[in-house]
Amino acid sequence: MADEPRYTRDIFISWDELHRDTRELCRQLLERGERFERLVAVTRGGLIPAGVVARELDLRLVDTICVLSYHGGQGQEQAPAELLKAPEGDGAGWLLVDDLVDTGRTAAVVRARLPRALFATVYAKPEGRPHTDLCVREIPQSTWVRFPWDTELSFAVPLVERDP
């Protein structure tokens, strides 16, 4: 029996949708009433949401935790997560932000390094959701998320003109 593909459909997230969902994440963080002394973005996907969060929550001390886990042309091959760079400390009083938690492999490495940080993601899939403290939107596990920085606009040939 051949391996079935892990991802059977795509979802495309627009810049507007990402911004709206990240601002919703900020609203939920404000409702919690916690104050954060530092914001840590999980690179690379967490960089853009972290910029929005920094603005909305007026956080000026911003750092990164750098993890390599996806390989391949479309980024769909996940290897064991490798920690490349992390800030010093255990994360107490820090907000950790990422765009998406998928399988939870990257999240597990990040959580182990910063166990006391609050981990917020804009999107989460079922396998990774237990690693987060807060997420705005859950995505089916079999769906590959296409973020705006991974896509470009191009002309779509009308269906009537396509070859069968």
C-alpha atoms as a PDB file:
ATOM      1  CA  MET A   1       0.000   0.000   0.000  1.00  0.00           C
ATOM      2  CA  ALA A   2       1.457   3.355  -1.076  1.00  0.00           C
ATOM      3  CA  ASP A   3       1.788   6.173   1.420  1.00  0.00           C
ATOM      4  CA  GLU A   4      -1.137   8.526   1.217  1.00  0.00           C
ATOM      5  CA  PRO A   5      -0.291  12.204   0.944  1.00  0.00           C
ATOM      6  CA  ARG A   6      -0.248  14.004   4.278  1.00  0.00           C
ATOM      7  CA  TYR A   7      -1.868  17.104   2.784  1.00  0.00           C
ATOM      8  CA  THR A   8      -4.901  16.637   0.567  1.00  0.00           C
ATOM      9  CA  ARG A   9      -5.989  20.242   0.150  1.00  0.00           C
ATOM     10  CA  ASP A  10      -4.677  23.806   0.324  1.00  0.00           C
ATOM     11  CA  ILE A  11      -5.982  26.904   2.000  1.00  0.00           C
ATOM     12  CA  PHE A  12      -4.726  30.296   0.838  1.00  0.00           C
ATOM     13  CA  ILE A  13      -4.428  33.005   3.492  1.00  0.00           C
ATOM     14  CA  SER A  14      -4.452  36.579   2.148  1.00  0.00           C
ATOM     15  CA  TRP A  15      -2.544  39.498   3.659  1.00  0.00           C
ATOM     16  CA  ASP A  16      -5.851  41.006   4.824  1.00  0.00           C
ATOM     17  CA  GLU A  17      -6.988  37.762   6.410  1.00  0.00           C
ATOM     18  CA  LEU A  18      -3.655  37.271   8.185  1.00  0.00           C
ATOM     19  CA  HIS A  19      -3.756  40.834   9.504  1.00  0.00           C
ATOM     20  CA  ARG A  20      -7.367  40.490  10.692  1.00  0.00           C
ATOM     21  CA  ASP A  21      -6.685  37.130  12.377  1.00  0.00           C
ATOM     22  CA  THR A  22      -3.501  38.420  14.029  1.00  0.00           C
ATOM     23  CA  ARG A  23      -5.371  41.456  15.384  1.00  0.00           C
ATOM     24  CA  GLU A  24      -7.987  39.051  16.759  1.00  0.00           C
ATOM     25  CA  LEU A  25      -5.158  37.188  18.486  1.00  0.00           C
ATOM     26  CA  CYS A  26      -4.127  40.516  20.025  1.00  0.00           C
ATOM     27  CA  ARG A  27      -7.683  41.186  21.228  1.00  0.00           C
ATOM     28  CA  GLN A  28      -7.747  37.798  22.923  1.00  0.00           C
ATOM     29  CA  LEU A  29      -4.361  38.442  24.522  1.00  0.00           C
ATOM     30  CA  LEU A  30      -5.585  41.799  25.863  1.00  0.00           C
ATOM     31  CA  GLU A  31      -8.692  40.126  27.288  1.00  0.00           C
ATOM     32  CA  ARG A  32      -6.433  37.815  29.295  1.00  0.00           C
ATOM     33  CA  GLY A  33      -5.068  40.878  31.070  1.00  0.00           C
ATOM     34  CA  GLU A  34      -1.465  39.695  31.042  1.00  0.00           C
ATOM     35  CA  ARG A  35       1.421  42.057  30.404  1.00  0.00           C
ATOM     36  CA  PHE A  36       4.496  40.864  28.571  1.00  0.00           C
ATOM     37  CA  GLU A  37       8.010  42.191  28.938  1.00  0.00           C
ATOM     38  CA  ARG A  38       9.276  40.607  25.710  1.00  0.00           C
ATOM     39  CA  LEU A  39       7.942  39.317  22.426  1.00  0.00           C
ATOM     40  CA  VAL A  40       9.667  36.351  20.771  1.00  0.00           C
ATOM     41  CA  ALA A  41       8.869  35.483  17.156  1.00  0.00           C
ATOM     42  CA  VAL A  42       9.339  31.933  15.903  1.00  0.00           C
ATOM     43  CA  THR A  43      11.196  32.336  12.622  1.00  0.00           C
ATOM     44  CA  ARG A  44      10.378  32.525   9.895  1.00  0.00           C
ATOM     45  CA  GLY A  45       6.600  32.289   9.829  1.00  0.00           C
ATOM     46  CA  GLY A  46       6.099  34.124  13.104  1.00  0.00           C
ATOM     47  CA  LEU A  47       7.971  37.261  12.023  1.00  0.00           C
ATOM     48  CA  ILE A  48       5.070  39.014  10.302  1.00  0.00           C
ATOM     49  CA  PRO A  49       2.443  38.187  12.936  1.00  0.00           C
ATOM     50  CA  ALA A  50       4.946  39.257  15.608  1.00  0.00           C
ATOM     51  CA  GLY A  51       5.286  42.667  13.937  1.00  0.00           C
ATOM     52  CA  VAL A  52       1.532  43.142  14.124  1.00  0.00           C
ATOM     53  CA  VAL A  53       1.443  41.930  17.733  1.00  0.00           C
ATOM     54  CA  ALA A  54       4.303  44.262  18.693  1.00  0.00           C
ATOM     55  CA  ARG A  55       2.352  47.212  17.314  1.00  0.00           C
ATOM     56  CA  GLU A  56      -1.032  46.285  18.756  1.00  0.00           C
ATOM     57  CA  LEU A  57       0.295  45.451  22.232  1.00  0.00           C
ATOM     58  CA  ASP A  58       2.951  48.200  22.229  1.00  0.00           C
ATOM     59  CA  LEU A  59       5.803  45.776  22.811  1.00  0.00           C
ATOM     60  CA  ARG A  60       9.244  47.184  22.026  1.00  0.00           C
ATOM     61  CA  LEU A  61      11.556  44.390  23.132  1.00  0.00           C
ATOM     62  CA  VAL A  62      11.332  41.871  20.281  1.00  0.00           C
ATOM     63  CA  ASP A  63      13.532  38.822  19.806  1.00  0.00           C
ATOM     64  CA  THR A  64      13.531  35.639  17.727  1.00  0.00           C
ATOM     65  CA  ILE A  65      13.844  31.949  18.271  1.00  0.00           C
ATOM     66  CA  CYS A  66      15.092  30.299  15.095  1.00  0.00           C
ATOM     67  CA  VAL A  67      14.114  26.732  14.278  1.00  0.00           C
ATOM     68  CA  LEU A  68      14.702  24.788  11.070  1.00  0.00           C
ATOM     69  CA  SER A  69      12.164  22.047  10.449  1.00  0.00           C
ATOM     70  CA  TYR A  70      10.819  22.274   6.886  1.00  0.00           C
ATOM     71  CA  HIS A  71      12.844  21.310   3.814  1.00  0.00           C
ATOM     72  CA  GLY A  72      12.017  21.050   0.135  1.00  0.00           C
ATOM     73  CA  GLY A  73      10.786  23.292  -2.640  1.00  0.00           C
ATOM     74  CA  GLN A  74       7.337  23.876  -1.229  1.00  0.00           C
ATOM     75  CA  GLY A  75       8.360  23.424   2.384  1.00  0.00           C
ATOM     76  CA  GLN A  76       6.218  20.339   2.781  1.00  0.00           C
ATOM     77  CA  GLU A  77       8.929  17.962   3.950  1.00  0.00           C
ATOM     78  CA  GLN A  78       9.270  18.211   7.698  1.00  0.00           C
ATOM     79  CA  ALA A  79      12.456  16.944   9.288  1.00  0.00           C
ATOM     80  CA  PRO A  80      13.369  16.813  12.971  1.00  0.00           C
ATOM     81  CA  ALA A  81      13.348  20.387  14.272  1.00  0.00           C
ATOM     82  CA  GLU A  82      16.783  21.931  14.787  1.00  0.00           C
ATOM     83  CA  LEU A  83      17.181  24.876  17.168  1.00  0.00           C
ATOM     84  CA  LEU A  84      19.466  27.431  15.480  1.00  0.00           C
ATOM     85  CA  LYS A  85      19.184  30.393  17.893  1.00  0.00           C
ATOM     86  CA  ALA A  86      17.282  31.183  21.064  1.00  0.00           C
ATOM     87  CA  PRO A  87      17.217  34.059  23.548  1.00  0.00           C
ATOM     88  CA  GLU A  88      18.616  33.457  27.021  1.00  0.00           C
ATOM     89  CA  GLY A  89      16.061  32.793  29.726  1.00  0.00           C
ATOM     90  CA  ASP A  90      13.132  30.482  30.395  1.00  0.00           C
ATOM     91  CA  GLY A  91      10.446  32.715  28.888  1.00  0.00           C
ATOM     92  CA  ALA A  92       8.870  33.973  32.118  1.00  0.00           C
ATOM     93  CA  GLY A  93       6.816  37.060  31.258  1.00  0.00           C
ATOM     94  CA  TRP A  94       7.400  36.593  27.533  1.00  0.00           C
ATOM     95  CA  LEU A  95       4.980  36.193  24.651  1.00  0.00           C
ATOM     96  CA  LEU A  96       5.991  33.668  22.005  1.00  0.00           C
ATOM     97  CA  VAL A  97       4.297  34.127  18.595  1.00  0.00           C
ATOM     98  CA  ASP A  98       4.118  31.919  15.512  1.00  0.00           C
ATOM     99  CA  ASP A  99       1.936  31.883  12.423  1.00  0.00           C
ATOM    100  CA  LEU A 100       0.964  28.208  12.616  1.00  0.00           C
ATOM    101  CA  VAL A 101       1.487  25.109  14.692  1.00  0.00           C
ATOM    102  CA  ASP A 102       1.136  22.057  12.441  1.00  0.00           C
ATOM    103  CA  THR A 103       2.461  18.738  13.764  1.00  0.00           C
ATOM    104  CA  GLY A 104       3.831  20.298  16.942  1.00  0.00           C
ATOM    105  CA  ARG A 105       7.443  19.281  16.266  1.00  0.00           C
ATOM    106  CA  THR A 106       8.729  22.843  16.076  1.00  0.00           C
ATOM    107  CA  ALA A 107       6.467  23.899  18.936  1.00  0.00           C
ATOM    108  CA  ALA A 108       7.844  21.128  21.166  1.00  0.00           C
ATOM    109  CA  VAL A 109      11.416  22.359  20.630  1.00  0.00           C
ATOM    110  CA  VAL A 110      10.396  25.977  21.259  1.00  0.00           C
ATOM    111  CA  ARG A 111       8.403  25.031  24.372  1.00  0.00           C
ATOM    112  CA  ALA A 112      11.309  23.016  25.763  1.00  0.00           C
ATOM    113  CA  ARG A 113      13.611  26.025  25.347  1.00  0.00           C
ATOM    114  CA  LEU A 114      11.144  28.649  26.677  1.00  0.00           C
ATOM    115  CA  PRO A 115       8.838  26.659  28.965  1.00  0.00           C
ATOM    116  CA  ARG A 116       7.434  29.646  30.873  1.00  0.00           C
ATOM    117  CA  ALA A 117       6.493  31.780  27.843  1.00  0.00           C
ATOM    118  CA  LEU A 118       2.882  32.132  26.752  1.00  0.00           C
ATOM    119  CA  PHE A 119       2.730  30.558  23.288  1.00  0.00           C
ATOM    120  CA  ALA A 120       0.198  32.136  20.905  1.00  0.00           C
ATOM    121  CA  THR A 121      -0.314  31.167  17.279  1.00  0.00           C
ATOM    122  CA  VAL A 122      -2.600  32.627  14.683  1.00  0.00           C
ATOM    123  CA  TYR A 123      -3.483  29.196  13.260  1.00  0.00           C
ATOM    124  CA  ALA A 124      -3.285  25.683  14.695  1.00  0.00           C
ATOM    125  CA  LYS A 125      -3.876  22.141  13.495  1.00  0.00           C
ATOM    126  CA  PRO A 126      -5.118  19.369  15.796  1.00  0.00           C
ATOM    127  CA  GLU A 127      -1.733  17.626  16.209  1.00  0.00           C
ATOM    128  CA  GLY A 128      -0.010  20.853  17.222  1.00  0.00           C
ATOM    129  CA  ARG A 129      -2.811  22.578  19.134  1.00  0.00           C
ATOM    130  CA  PRO A 130      -1.897  21.022  22.540  1.00  0.00           C
ATOM    131  CA  HIS A 131       1.467  22.836  22.370  1.00  0.00           C
ATOM    132  CA  THR A 132      -0.131  26.297  22.263  1.00  0.00           C
ATOM    133  CA  ASP A 133      -1.794  28.388  24.937  1.00  0.00           C
ATOM    134  CA  LEU A 134      -3.867  30.388  22.492  1.00  0.00           C
ATOM    135  CA  CYS A 135      -4.782  30.303  18.806  1.00  0.00           C
ATOM    136  CA  VAL A 136      -7.349  32.174  16.729  1.00  0.00           C
ATOM    137  CA  ARG A 137      -8.319  29.638  14.102  1.00  0.00           C
ATOM    138  CA  GLU A 138      -8.037  25.874  13.814  1.00  0.00           C
ATOM    139  CA  ILE A 139      -7.231  24.305  10.447  1.00  0.00           C
ATOM    140  CA  PRO A 140      -7.792  20.636   9.489  1.00  0.00           C
ATOM    141  CA  GLN A 141      -4.641  18.531   9.792  1.00  0.00           C
ATOM    142  CA  SER A 142      -4.792  17.460   6.130  1.00  0.00           C
ATOM    143  CA  THR A 143      -4.744  21.063   4.868  1.00  0.00           C
ATOM    144  CA  TRP A 144      -1.550  22.791   3.727  1.00  0.00           C
ATOM    145  CA  VAL A 145      -1.638  26.480   4.612  1.00  0.00           C
ATOM    146  CA  ARG A 146      -0.381  28.812   1.885  1.00  0.00           C
ATOM    147  CA  PHE A 147       0.672  32.095   3.448  1.00  0.00           C
ATOM    148  CA  PRO A 148       0.847  35.303   1.404  1.00  0.00           C
ATOM    149  CA  TRP A 149       4.653  35.403   1.535  1.00  0.00           C
ATOM    150  CA  ASP A 150       4.725  31.956  -0.127  1.00  0.00           C
ATOM    151  CA  THR A 151       2.443  32.833  -3.033  1.00  0.00           C
ATOM    152  CA  GLU A 152       2.152  35.346  -5.844  1.00  0.00           C
ATOM    153  CA  LEU A 153      -0.685  36.536  -8.001  1.00  0.00           C
ATOM    154  CA  SER A 154      -0.789  35.274 -11.556  1.00  0.00           C
ATOM    155  CA  PHE A 155      -3.244  35.129 -14.436  1.00  0.00           C
ATOM    156  CA  ALA A 156      -5.815  32.332 -14.211  1.00  0.00           C
ATOM    157  CA  VAL A 157      -6.757  30.852 -17.575  1.00  0.00           C
ATOM    158  CA  PRO A 158     -10.563  30.644 -17.925  1.00  0.00           C
ATOM    159  CA  LEU A 159     -11.842  27.096 -17.513  1.00  0.00           C
ATOM    160  CA  VAL A 160     -13.359  27.093 -20.987  1.00  0.00           C
ATOM    161  CA  GLU A 161      -9.891  27.721 -22.473  1.00  0.00           C
ATOM    162  CA  ARG A 162      -8.065  25.008 -20.549  1.00  0.00           C
ATOM    163  CA  ASP A 163      -7.057  21.745 -22.137  1.00  0.00           C
ATOM    164  CA  PRO A 164      -9.090  18.777 -20.851  1.00  0.00           C
END
